[in-house]
Amino acid sequence: EKIGGRVESRNYVLLSAEELPGISEWA
């Protein structure tokens, strides 16, 4: 986006949490 003389970019990424240690503790 271009807002008020500045350019802002946002990169969003999602990965599977299945391999994360202890992830089962986070409902």
mmCIF file of all heavy atoms, coordinates in Angstrom:
data_MODEL
# 
_entry.id   MODEL 
# 
loop_
_atom_site.group_PDB 
_atom_site.id 
_atom_site.type_symbol 
_atom_site.label_atom_id 
_atom_site.label_alt_id 
_atom_site.label_comp_id 
_atom_site.label_asym_id 
_atom_site.label_entity_id 
_atom_site.label_seq_id 
_atom_site.pdbx_PDB_ins_code 
_atom_site.Cartn_x 
_atom_site.Cartn_y 
_atom_site.Cartn_z 
_atom_site.occupancy 
_atom_site.B_iso_or_equiv 
_atom_site.pdbx_formal_charge 
_atom_site.auth_seq_id 
_atom_site.auth_comp_id 
_atom_site.auth_asym_id 
_atom_site.auth_atom_id 
_atom_site.pdbx_PDB_model_num 
ATOM 1   N N   . GLU A 1 1  ? 0.836  -1.198  0.000  1.00 0.00 ? 1  GLU A N   1 
ATOM 2   C CA  . GLU A 1 1  ? 0.000  0.000   0.000  1.00 0.00 ? 1  GLU A CA  1 
ATOM 3   C C   . GLU A 1 1  ? 0.869  1.245   0.000  1.00 0.00 ? 1  GLU A C   1 
ATOM 4   O O   . GLU A 1 1  ? 1.966  1.251   0.560  1.00 0.00 ? 1  GLU A O   1 
ATOM 5   C CB  . GLU A 1 1  ? -0.910 0.023   1.237  1.00 0.00 ? 1  GLU A CB  1 
ATOM 6   C CG  . GLU A 1 1  ? -1.997 -1.013  1.245  1.00 0.00 ? 1  GLU A CG  1 
ATOM 7   C CD  . GLU A 1 1  ? -2.865 -0.897  2.478  1.00 0.00 ? 1  GLU A CD  1 
ATOM 8   O OE1 . GLU A 1 1  ? -2.406 -0.312  3.478  1.00 0.00 ? 1  GLU A OE1 1 
ATOM 9   O OE2 . GLU A 1 1  ? -4.018 -1.365  2.442  1.00 0.00 ? 1  GLU A OE2 1 
ATOM 10  N N   . LYS A 1 2  ? 0.338  2.297   -0.608 1.00 0.00 ? 2  LYS A N   1 
ATOM 11  C CA  . LYS A 1 2  ? 0.974  3.611   -0.557 1.00 0.00 ? 2  LYS A CA  1 
ATOM 12  C C   . LYS A 1 2  ? 0.097  4.517   0.293  1.00 0.00 ? 2  LYS A C   1 
ATOM 13  O O   . LYS A 1 2  ? -1.059 4.767   -0.043 1.00 0.00 ? 2  LYS A O   1 
ATOM 14  C CB  . LYS A 1 2  ? 1.138  4.195   -1.962 1.00 0.00 ? 2  LYS A CB  1 
ATOM 15  C CG  . LYS A 1 2  ? 2.131  3.445   -2.827 1.00 0.00 ? 2  LYS A CG  1 
ATOM 16  C CD  . LYS A 1 2  ? 2.292  4.112   -4.180 1.00 0.00 ? 2  LYS A CD  1 
ATOM 17  C CE  . LYS A 1 2  ? 3.323  3.355   -5.041 1.00 0.00 ? 2  LYS A CE  1 
ATOM 18  N NZ  . LYS A 1 2  ? 3.497  3.994   -6.374 1.00 0.00 ? 2  LYS A NZ  1 
ATOM 19  N N   . ILE A 1 3  ? 0.651  4.980   1.420  1.00 0.00 ? 3  ILE A N   1 
ATOM 20  C CA  . ILE A 1 3  ? -0.112 5.798   2.357  1.00 0.00 ? 3  ILE A CA  1 
ATOM 21  C C   . ILE A 1 3  ? 0.738  6.982   2.796  1.00 0.00 ? 3  ILE A C   1 
ATOM 22  O O   . ILE A 1 3  ? 1.829  6.810   3.337  1.00 0.00 ? 3  ILE A O   1 
ATOM 23  C CB  . ILE A 1 3  ? -0.525 4.991   3.620  1.00 0.00 ? 3  ILE A CB  1 
ATOM 24  C CG1 . ILE A 1 3  ? -1.244 3.703   3.224  1.00 0.00 ? 3  ILE A CG1 1 
ATOM 25  C CG2 . ILE A 1 3  ? -1.399 5.824   4.542  1.00 0.00 ? 3  ILE A CG2 1 
ATOM 26  C CD1 . ILE A 1 3  ? -1.508 2.785   4.390  1.00 0.00 ? 3  ILE A CD1 1 
ATOM 27  N N   . GLY A 1 4  ? 0.215  8.178   2.551  1.00 0.00 ? 4  GLY A N   1 
ATOM 28  C CA  . GLY A 1 4  ? 0.875  9.380   3.064  1.00 0.00 ? 4  GLY A CA  1 
ATOM 29  C C   . GLY A 1 4  ? 2.339  9.503   2.724  1.00 0.00 ? 4  GLY A C   1 
ATOM 30  O O   . GLY A 1 4  ? 3.156  9.847   3.581  1.00 0.00 ? 4  GLY A O   1 
ATOM 31  N N   . GLY A 1 5  ? 2.710  9.207   1.500  1.00 0.00 ? 5  GLY A N   1 
ATOM 32  C CA  . GLY A 1 5  ? 4.093  9.352   1.074  1.00 0.00 ? 5  GLY A CA  1 
ATOM 33  C C   . GLY A 1 5  ? 5.000  8.211   1.461  1.00 0.00 ? 5  GLY A C   1 
ATOM 34  O O   . GLY A 1 5  ? 6.214  8.286   1.271  1.00 0.00 ? 5  GLY A O   1 
ATOM 35  N N   . ARG A 1 6  ? 4.446  7.150   1.992  1.00 0.00 ? 6  ARG A N   1 
ATOM 36  C CA  . ARG A 1 6  ? 5.262  5.987   2.336  1.00 0.00 ? 6  ARG A CA  1 
ATOM 37  C C   . ARG A 1 6  ? 4.659  4.735   1.702  1.00 0.00 ? 6  ARG A C   1 
ATOM 38  O O   . ARG A 1 6  ? 3.468  4.681   1.413  1.00 0.00 ? 6  ARG A O   1 
ATOM 39  C CB  . ARG A 1 6  ? 5.370  5.805   3.847  1.00 0.00 ? 6  ARG A CB  1 
ATOM 40  C CG  . ARG A 1 6  ? 4.068  5.441   4.530  1.00 0.00 ? 6  ARG A CG  1 
ATOM 41  C CD  . ARG A 1 6  ? 4.263  5.285   6.037  1.00 0.00 ? 6  ARG A CD  1 
ATOM 42  N NE  . ARG A 1 6  ? 3.057  4.826   6.712  1.00 0.00 ? 6  ARG A NE  1 
ATOM 43  C CZ  . ARG A 1 6  ? 2.106  5.607   7.175  1.00 0.00 ? 6  ARG A CZ  1 
ATOM 44  N NH1 . ARG A 1 6  ? 2.210  6.932   7.029  1.00 0.00 ? 6  ARG A NH1 1 
ATOM 45  N NH2 . ARG A 1 6  ? 1.049  5.098   7.781  1.00 0.00 ? 6  ARG A NH2 1 
ATOM 46  N N   . VAL A 1 7  ? 5.511  3.756   1.495  1.00 0.00 ? 7  VAL A N   1 
ATOM 47  C CA  . VAL A 1 7  ? 5.080  2.486   0.922  1.00 0.00 ? 7  VAL A CA  1 
ATOM 48  C C   . VAL A 1 7  ? 5.202  1.425   2.011  1.00 0.00 ? 7  VAL A C   1 
ATOM 49  O O   . VAL A 1 7  ? 6.263  1.273   2.629  1.00 0.00 ? 7  VAL A O   1 
ATOM 50  C CB  . VAL A 1 7  ? 5.929  2.095   -0.298 1.00 0.00 ? 7  VAL A CB  1 
ATOM 51  C CG1 . VAL A 1 7  ? 5.492  0.738   -0.827 1.00 0.00 ? 7  VAL A CG1 1 
ATOM 52  C CG2 . VAL A 1 7  ? 5.823  3.157   -1.385 1.00 0.00 ? 7  VAL A CG2 1 
ATOM 53  N N   . GLU A 1 8  ? 4.113  0.694   2.245  1.00 0.00 ? 8  GLU A N   1 
ATOM 54  C CA  . GLU A 1 8  ? 4.115  -0.351  3.257  1.00 0.00 ? 8  GLU A CA  1 
ATOM 55  C C   . GLU A 1 8  ? 3.771  -1.687  2.607  1.00 0.00 ? 8  GLU A C   1 
ATOM 56  O O   . GLU A 1 8  ? 2.777  -1.804  1.904  1.00 0.00 ? 8  GLU A O   1 
ATOM 57  C CB  . GLU A 1 8  ? 3.095  -0.044  4.364  1.00 0.00 ? 8  GLU A CB  1 
ATOM 58  C CG  . GLU A 1 8  ? 3.451  1.164   5.199  1.00 0.00 ? 8  GLU A CG  1 
ATOM 59  C CD  . GLU A 1 8  ? 2.501  1.352   6.380  1.00 0.00 ? 8  GLU A CD  1 
ATOM 60  O OE1 . GLU A 1 8  ? 1.604  0.497   6.543  1.00 0.00 ? 8  GLU A OE1 1 
ATOM 61  O OE2 . GLU A 1 8  ? 2.666  2.324   7.116  1.00 0.00 ? 8  GLU A OE2 1 
ATOM 62  N N   . SER A 1 9  ? 4.620  -2.666  2.857  1.00 0.00 ? 9  SER A N   1 
ATOM 63  C CA  . SER A 1 9  ? 4.348  -4.013  2.364  1.00 0.00 ? 9  SER A CA  1 
ATOM 64  C C   . SER A 1 9  ? 4.312  -4.973  3.542  1.00 0.00 ? 9  SER A C   1 
ATOM 65  O O   . SER A 1 9  ? 5.047  -4.802  4.526  1.00 0.00 ? 9  SER A O   1 
ATOM 66  C CB  . SER A 1 9  ? 5.411  -4.459  1.357  1.00 0.00 ? 9  SER A CB  1 
ATOM 67  O OG  . SER A 1 9  ? 6.666  -4.610  1.997  1.00 0.00 ? 9  SER A OG  1 
ATOM 68  N N   . ARG A 1 10 ? 3.445  -5.957  3.455  1.00 0.00 ? 10 ARG A N   1 
ATOM 69  C CA  . ARG A 1 10 ? 3.304  -6.961  4.514  1.00 0.00 ? 10 ARG A CA  1 
ATOM 70  C C   . ARG A 1 10 ? 3.301  -8.343  3.883  1.00 0.00 ? 10 ARG A C   1 
ATOM 71  O O   . ARG A 1 10 ? 2.483  -8.628  3.011  1.00 0.00 ? 10 ARG A O   1 
ATOM 72  C CB  . ARG A 1 10 ? 2.017  -6.735  5.304  1.00 0.00 ? 10 ARG A CB  1 
ATOM 73  C CG  . ARG A 1 10 ? 1.945  -5.385  6.002  1.00 0.00 ? 10 ARG A CG  1 
ATOM 74  C CD  . ARG A 1 10 ? 0.580  -5.168  6.637  1.00 0.00 ? 10 ARG A CD  1 
ATOM 75  N NE  . ARG A 1 10 ? 0.478  -3.864  7.257  1.00 0.00 ? 10 ARG A NE  1 
ATOM 76  C CZ  . ARG A 1 10 ? 0.161  -2.747  6.613  1.00 0.00 ? 10 ARG A CZ  1 
ATOM 77  N NH1 . ARG A 1 10 ? -0.093 -2.786  5.310  1.00 0.00 ? 10 ARG A NH1 1 
ATOM 78  N NH2 . ARG A 1 10 ? 0.098  -1.604  7.246  1.00 0.00 ? 10 ARG A NH2 1 
ATOM 79  N N   . ASN A 1 11 ? 4.206  -9.169  4.333  1.00 0.00 ? 11 ASN A N   1 
ATOM 80  C CA  . ASN A 1 11 ? 4.289  -10.538 3.846  1.00 0.00 ? 11 ASN A CA  1 
ATOM 81  C C   . ASN A 1 11 ? 3.791  -11.471 4.941  1.00 0.00 ? 11 ASN A C   1 
ATOM 82  O O   . ASN A 1 11 ? 4.317  -11.496 6.052  1.00 0.00 ? 11 ASN A O   1 
ATOM 83  C CB  . ASN A 1 11 ? 5.728  -10.893 3.463  1.00 0.00 ? 11 ASN A CB  1 
ATOM 84  C CG  . ASN A 1 11 ? 5.866  -12.350 3.051  1.00 0.00 ? 11 ASN A CG  1 
ATOM 85  O OD1 . ASN A 1 11 ? 6.416  -13.161 3.774  1.00 0.00 ? 11 ASN A OD1 1 
ATOM 86  N ND2 . ASN A 1 11 ? 5.346  -12.686 1.875  1.00 0.00 ? 11 ASN A ND2 1 
ATOM 87  N N   . TYR A 1 12 ? 2.721  -12.219 4.626  1.00 0.00 ? 12 TYR A N   1 
ATOM 88  C CA  . TYR A 1 12 ? 2.109  -13.134 5.589  1.00 0.00 ? 12 TYR A CA  1 
ATOM 89  C C   . TYR A 1 12 ? 2.402  -14.573 5.170  1.00 0.00 ? 12 TYR A C   1 
ATOM 90  O O   . TYR A 1 12 ? 2.222  -14.928 4.006  1.00 0.00 ? 12 TYR A O   1 
ATOM 91  C CB  . TYR A 1 12 ? 0.595  -12.941 5.637  1.00 0.00 ? 12 TYR A CB  1 
ATOM 92  C CG  . TYR A 1 12 ? 0.140  -11.542 5.950  1.00 0.00 ? 12 TYR A CG  1 
ATOM 93  C CD1 . TYR A 1 12 ? -0.218 -10.653 4.922  1.00 0.00 ? 12 TYR A CD1 1 
ATOM 94  C CD2 . TYR A 1 12 ? 0.037  -11.088 7.264  1.00 0.00 ? 12 TYR A CD2 1 
ATOM 95  C CE1 . TYR A 1 12 ? -0.651 -9.374  5.198  1.00 0.00 ? 12 TYR A CE1 1 
ATOM 96  C CE2 . TYR A 1 12 ? -0.395 -9.799  7.546  1.00 0.00 ? 12 TYR A CE2 1 
ATOM 97  C CZ  . TYR A 1 12 ? -0.735 -8.951  6.514  1.00 0.00 ? 12 TYR A CZ  1 
ATOM 98  O OH  . TYR A 1 12 ? -1.170 -7.664  6.792  1.00 0.00 ? 12 TYR A OH  1 
ATOM 99  N N   . VAL A 1 13 ? 2.828  -15.392 6.133  1.00 0.00 ? 13 VAL A N   1 
ATOM 100 C CA  . VAL A 1 13 ? 3.094  -16.802 5.859  1.00 0.00 ? 13 VAL A CA  1 
ATOM 101 C C   . VAL A 1 13 ? 2.510  -17.634 6.997  1.00 0.00 ? 13 VAL A C   1 
ATOM 102 O O   . VAL A 1 13 ? 2.641  -17.286 8.173  1.00 0.00 ? 13 VAL A O   1 
ATOM 103 C CB  . VAL A 1 13 ? 4.605  -17.099 5.741  1.00 0.00 ? 13 VAL A CB  1 
ATOM 104 C CG1 . VAL A 1 13 ? 4.822  -18.563 5.369  1.00 0.00 ? 13 VAL A CG1 1 
ATOM 105 C CG2 . VAL A 1 13 ? 5.268  -16.186 4.723  1.00 0.00 ? 13 VAL A CG2 1 
ATOM 106 N N   . LEU A 1 14 ? 1.876  -18.752 6.638  1.00 0.00 ? 14 LEU A N   1 
ATOM 107 C CA  . LEU A 1 14 ? 1.392  -19.721 7.610  1.00 0.00 ? 14 LEU A CA  1 
ATOM 108 C C   . LEU A 1 14 ? 2.039  -21.070 7.342  1.00 0.00 ? 14 LEU A C   1 
ATOM 109 O O   . LEU A 1 14 ? 2.117  -21.503 6.188  1.00 0.00 ? 14 LEU A O   1 
ATOM 110 C CB  . LEU A 1 14 ? -0.134 -19.868 7.532  1.00 0.00 ? 14 LEU A CB  1 
ATOM 111 C CG  . LEU A 1 14 ? -0.986 -18.732 8.083  1.00 0.00 ? 14 LEU A CG  1 
ATOM 112 C CD1 . LEU A 1 14 ? -2.463 -19.017 7.828  1.00 0.00 ? 14 LEU A CD1 1 
ATOM 113 C CD2 . LEU A 1 14 ? -0.742 -18.526 9.575  1.00 0.00 ? 14 LEU A CD2 1 
ATOM 114 N N   . LEU A 1 15 ? 2.524  -21.725 8.393  1.00 0.00 ? 15 LEU A N   1 
ATOM 115 C CA  . LEU A 1 15 ? 3.064  -23.078 8.312  1.00 0.00 ? 15 LEU A CA  1 
ATOM 116 C C   . LEU A 1 15 ? 2.282  -23.982 9.254  1.00 0.00 ? 15 LEU A C   1 
ATOM 117 O O   . LEU A 1 15 ? 1.729  -23.523 10.254 1.00 0.00 ? 15 LEU A O   1 
ATOM 118 C CB  . LEU A 1 15 ? 4.544  -23.098 8.729  1.00 0.00 ? 15 LEU A CB  1 
ATOM 119 C CG  . LEU A 1 15 ? 5.554  -22.295 7.913  1.00 0.00 ? 15 LEU A CG  1 
ATOM 120 C CD1 . LEU A 1 15 ? 6.929  -22.456 8.529  1.00 0.00 ? 15 LEU A CD1 1 
ATOM 121 C CD2 . LEU A 1 15 ? 5.558  -22.720 6.464  1.00 0.00 ? 15 LEU A CD2 1 
ATOM 122 N N   . SER A 1 16 ? 2.264  -25.247 8.946  1.00 0.00 ? 16 SER A N   1 
ATOM 123 C CA  . SER A 1 16 ? 1.619  -26.210 9.837  1.00 0.00 ? 16 SER A CA  1 
ATOM 124 C C   . SER A 1 16 ? 2.358  -26.242 11.172 1.00 0.00 ? 16 SER A C   1 
ATOM 125 O O   . SER A 1 16 ? 3.586  -26.255 11.222 1.00 0.00 ? 16 SER A O   1 
ATOM 126 C CB  . SER A 1 16 ? 1.624  -27.607 9.203  1.00 0.00 ? 16 SER A CB  1 
ATOM 127 O OG  . SER A 1 16 ? 1.181  -28.561 10.145 1.00 0.00 ? 16 SER A OG  1 
ATOM 128 N N   . ALA A 1 17 ? 1.590  -26.268 12.269 1.00 0.00 ? 17 ALA A N   1 
ATOM 129 C CA  . ALA A 1 17 ? 2.183  -26.310 13.608 1.00 0.00 ? 17 ALA A CA  1 
ATOM 130 C C   . ALA A 1 17 ? 2.359  -27.728 14.115 1.00 0.00 ? 17 ALA A C   1 
ATOM 131 O O   . ALA A 1 17 ? 2.782  -27.943 15.256 1.00 0.00 ? 17 ALA A O   1 
ATOM 132 C CB  . ALA A 1 17 ? 1.309  -25.515 14.575 1.00 0.00 ? 17 ALA A CB  1 
ATOM 133 N N   . GLU A 1 18 ? 2.072  -28.704 13.269 1.00 0.00 ? 18 GLU A N   1 
ATOM 134 C CA  . GLU A 1 18 ? 2.067  -30.105 13.690 1.00 0.00 ? 18 GLU A CA  1 
ATOM 135 C C   . GLU A 1 18 ? 3.415  -30.554 14.243 1.00 0.00 ? 18 GLU A C   1 
ATOM 136 O O   . GLU A 1 18 ? 3.480  -31.352 15.182 1.00 0.00 ? 18 GLU A O   1 
ATOM 137 C CB  . GLU A 1 18 ? 1.657  -30.988 12.509 1.00 0.00 ? 18 GLU A CB  1 
ATOM 138 C CG  . GLU A 1 18 ? 1.453  -32.435 12.876 1.00 0.00 ? 18 GLU A CG  1 
ATOM 139 C CD  . GLU A 1 18 ? 0.968  -33.262 11.698 1.00 0.00 ? 18 GLU A CD  1 
ATOM 140 O OE1 . GLU A 1 18 ? 0.683  -32.679 10.629 1.00 0.00 ? 18 GLU A OE1 1 
ATOM 141 O OE2 . GLU A 1 18 ? 0.874  -34.487 11.842 1.00 0.00 ? 18 GLU A OE2 1 
ATOM 142 N N   . GLU A 1 19 ? 4.518  -30.047 13.651 1.00 0.00 ? 19 GLU A N   1 
ATOM 143 C CA  . GLU A 1 19 ? 5.847  -30.491 14.067 1.00 0.00 ? 19 GLU A CA  1 
ATOM 144 C C   . GLU A 1 19 ? 6.429  -29.661 15.206 1.00 0.00 ? 19 GLU A C   1 
ATOM 145 O O   . GLU A 1 19 ? 7.542  -29.916 15.657 1.00 0.00 ? 19 GLU A O   1 
ATOM 146 C CB  . GLU A 1 19 ? 6.806  -30.424 12.872 1.00 0.00 ? 19 GLU A CB  1 
ATOM 147 C CG  . GLU A 1 19 ? 6.389  -31.278 11.683 1.00 0.00 ? 19 GLU A CG  1 
ATOM 148 C CD  . GLU A 1 19 ? 6.302  -32.756 12.049 1.00 0.00 ? 19 GLU A CD  1 
ATOM 149 O OE1 . GLU A 1 19 ? 7.155  -33.218 12.840 1.00 0.00 ? 19 GLU A OE1 1 
ATOM 150 O OE2 . GLU A 1 19 ? 5.388  -33.433 11.554 1.00 0.00 ? 19 GLU A OE2 1 
ATOM 151 N N   . LEU A 1 20 ? 5.685  -28.681 15.684 1.00 0.00 ? 20 LEU A N   1 
ATOM 152 C CA  . LEU A 1 20 ? 6.199  -27.804 16.732 1.00 0.00 ? 20 LEU A CA  1 
ATOM 153 C C   . LEU A 1 20 ? 6.187  -28.527 18.082 1.00 0.00 ? 20 LEU A C   1 
ATOM 154 O O   . LEU A 1 20 ? 5.156  -29.064 18.483 1.00 0.00 ? 20 LEU A O   1 
ATOM 155 C CB  . LEU A 1 20 ? 5.351  -26.532 16.810 1.00 0.00 ? 20 LEU A CB  1 
ATOM 156 C CG  . LEU A 1 20 ? 6.011  -25.280 17.390 1.00 0.00 ? 20 LEU A CG  1 
ATOM 157 C CD1 . LEU A 1 20 ? 7.159  -24.823 16.497 1.00 0.00 ? 20 LEU A CD1 1 
ATOM 158 C CD2 . LEU A 1 20 ? 4.990  -24.170 17.556 1.00 0.00 ? 20 LEU A CD2 1 
ATOM 159 N N   . PRO A 1 21 ? 7.312  -28.570 18.803 1.00 0.00 ? 21 PRO A N   1 
ATOM 160 C CA  . PRO A 1 21 ? 7.356  -29.260 20.102 1.00 0.00 ? 21 PRO A CA  1 
ATOM 161 C C   . PRO A 1 21 ? 6.343  -28.664 21.084 1.00 0.00 ? 21 PRO A C   1 
ATOM 162 O O   . PRO A 1 21 ? 6.235  -27.447 21.226 1.00 0.00 ? 21 PRO A O   1 
ATOM 163 C CB  . PRO A 1 21 ? 8.795  -29.016 20.585 1.00 0.00 ? 21 PRO A CB  1 
ATOM 164 C CG  . PRO A 1 21 ? 9.573  -28.746 19.337 1.00 0.00 ? 21 PRO A CG  1 
ATOM 165 C CD  . PRO A 1 21 ? 8.629  -28.033 18.414 1.00 0.00 ? 21 PRO A CD  1 
ATOM 166 N N   . GLY A 1 22 ? 5.591  -29.533 21.745 1.00 0.00 ? 22 GLY A N   1 
ATOM 167 C CA  . GLY A 1 22 ? 4.654  -29.084 22.768 1.00 0.00 ? 22 GLY A CA  1 
ATOM 168 C C   . GLY A 1 22 ? 3.441  -28.341 22.262 1.00 0.00 ? 22 GLY A C   1 
ATOM 169 O O   . GLY A 1 22 ? 2.724  -27.724 23.051 1.00 0.00 ? 22 GLY A O   1 
ATOM 170 N N   . ILE A 1 23 ? 3.183  -28.409 20.945 1.00 0.00 ? 23 ILE A N   1 
ATOM 171 C CA  . ILE A 1 23 ? 2.078  -27.626 20.398 1.00 0.00 ? 23 ILE A CA  1 
ATOM 172 C C   . ILE A 1 23 ? 0.728  -28.126 20.901 1.00 0.00 ? 23 ILE A C   1 
ATOM 173 O O   . ILE A 1 23 ? -0.256 -27.386 20.924 1.00 0.00 ? 23 ILE A O   1 
ATOM 174 C CB  . ILE A 1 23 ? 2.118  -27.633 18.853 1.00 0.00 ? 23 ILE A CB  1 
ATOM 175 C CG1 . ILE A 1 23 ? 1.268  -26.479 18.306 1.00 0.00 ? 23 ILE A CG1 1 
ATOM 176 C CG2 . ILE A 1 23 ? 1.680  -28.975 18.316 1.00 0.00 ? 23 ILE A CG2 1 
ATOM 177 C CD1 . ILE A 1 23 ? 1.709  -25.108 18.730 1.00 0.00 ? 23 ILE A CD1 1 
ATOM 178 N N   . SER A 1 24 ? 0.659  -29.391 21.333 1.00 0.00 ? 24 SER A N   1 
ATOM 179 C CA  . SER A 1 24 ? -0.605 -29.939 21.835 1.00 0.00 ? 24 SER A CA  1 
ATOM 180 C C   . SER A 1 24 ? -1.070 -29.230 23.101 1.00 0.00 ? 24 SER A C   1 
ATOM 181 O O   . SER A 1 24 ? -2.241 -29.294 23.472 1.00 0.00 ? 24 SER A O   1 
ATOM 182 C CB  . SER A 1 24 ? -0.463 -31.435 22.098 1.00 0.00 ? 24 SER A CB  1 
ATOM 183 O OG  . SER A 1 24 ? 0.539  -31.667 23.073 1.00 0.00 ? 24 SER A OG  1 
ATOM 184 N N   . GLU A 1 25 ? -0.149 -28.536 23.779 1.00 0.00 ? 25 GLU A N   1 
ATOM 185 C CA  . GLU A 1 25 ? -0.514 -27.805 24.994 1.00 0.00 ? 25 GLU A CA  1 
ATOM 186 C C   . GLU A 1 25 ? -1.238 -26.503 24.677 1.00 0.00 ? 25 GLU A C   1 
ATOM 187 O O   . GLU A 1 25 ? -1.825 -25.883 25.577 1.00 0.00 ? 25 GLU A O   1 
ATOM 188 C CB  . GLU A 1 25 ? 0.740  -27.510 25.821 1.00 0.00 ? 25 GLU A CB  1 
ATOM 189 C CG  . GLU A 1 25 ? 1.468  -28.761 26.289 1.00 0.00 ? 25 GLU A CG  1 
ATOM 190 C CD  . GLU A 1 25 ? 2.738  -28.433 27.038 1.00 0.00 ? 25 GLU A CD  1 
ATOM 191 O OE1 . GLU A 1 25 ? 2.984  -27.233 27.292 1.00 0.00 ? 25 GLU A OE1 1 
ATOM 192 O OE2 . GLU A 1 25 ? 3.487  -29.377 27.372 1.00 0.00 ? 25 GLU A OE2 1 
ATOM 193 N N   . TRP A 1 26 ? -1.193 -26.091 23.415 1.00 0.00 ? 26 TRP A N   1 
ATOM 194 C CA  . TRP A 1 26 ? -1.869 -24.857 22.989 1.00 0.00 ? 26 TRP A CA  1 
ATOM 195 C C   . TRP A 1 26 ? -3.149 -25.263 22.256 1.00 0.00 ? 26 TRP A C   1 
ATOM 196 O O   . TRP A 1 26 ? -3.106 -25.708 21.122 1.00 0.00 ? 26 TRP A O   1 
ATOM 197 C CB  . TRP A 1 26 ? -0.952 -24.024 22.096 1.00 0.00 ? 26 TRP A CB  1 
ATOM 198 C CG  . TRP A 1 26 ? 0.291  -23.583 22.802 1.00 0.00 ? 26 TRP A CG  1 
ATOM 199 C CD1 . TRP A 1 26 ? 1.461  -24.261 22.912 1.00 0.00 ? 26 TRP A CD1 1 
ATOM 200 C CD2 . TRP A 1 26 ? 0.464  -22.375 23.545 1.00 0.00 ? 26 TRP A CD2 1 
ATOM 201 N NE1 . TRP A 1 26 ? 2.369  -23.558 23.656 1.00 0.00 ? 26 TRP A NE1 1 
ATOM 202 C CE2 . TRP A 1 26 ? 1.782  -22.391 24.072 1.00 0.00 ? 26 TRP A CE2 1 
ATOM 203 C CE3 . TRP A 1 26 ? -0.358 -21.282 23.816 1.00 0.00 ? 26 TRP A CE3 1 
ATOM 204 C CZ2 . TRP A 1 26 ? 2.278  -21.352 24.847 1.00 0.00 ? 26 TRP A CZ2 1 
ATOM 205 C CZ3 . TRP A 1 26 ? 0.139  -20.244 24.597 1.00 0.00 ? 26 TRP A CZ3 1 
ATOM 206 C CH2 . TRP A 1 26 ? 1.444  -20.286 25.103 1.00 0.00 ? 26 TRP A CH2 1 
ATOM 207 N N   . ALA A 1 27 ? -4.261 -25.133 22.919 1.00 0.00 ? 27 ALA A N   1 
ATOM 208 C CA  . ALA A 1 27 ? -5.542 -25.648 22.431 1.00 0.00 ? 27 ALA A CA  1 
ATOM 209 C C   . ALA A 1 27 ? -5.862 -25.168 21.030 1.00 0.00 ? 27 ALA A C   1 
ATOM 210 O O   . ALA A 1 27 ? -5.789 -23.974 20.731 1.00 0.00 ? 27 ALA A O   1 
ATOM 211 C CB  . ALA A 1 27 ? -6.675 -25.227 23.380 1.00 0.00 ? 27 ALA A CB  1 
# 
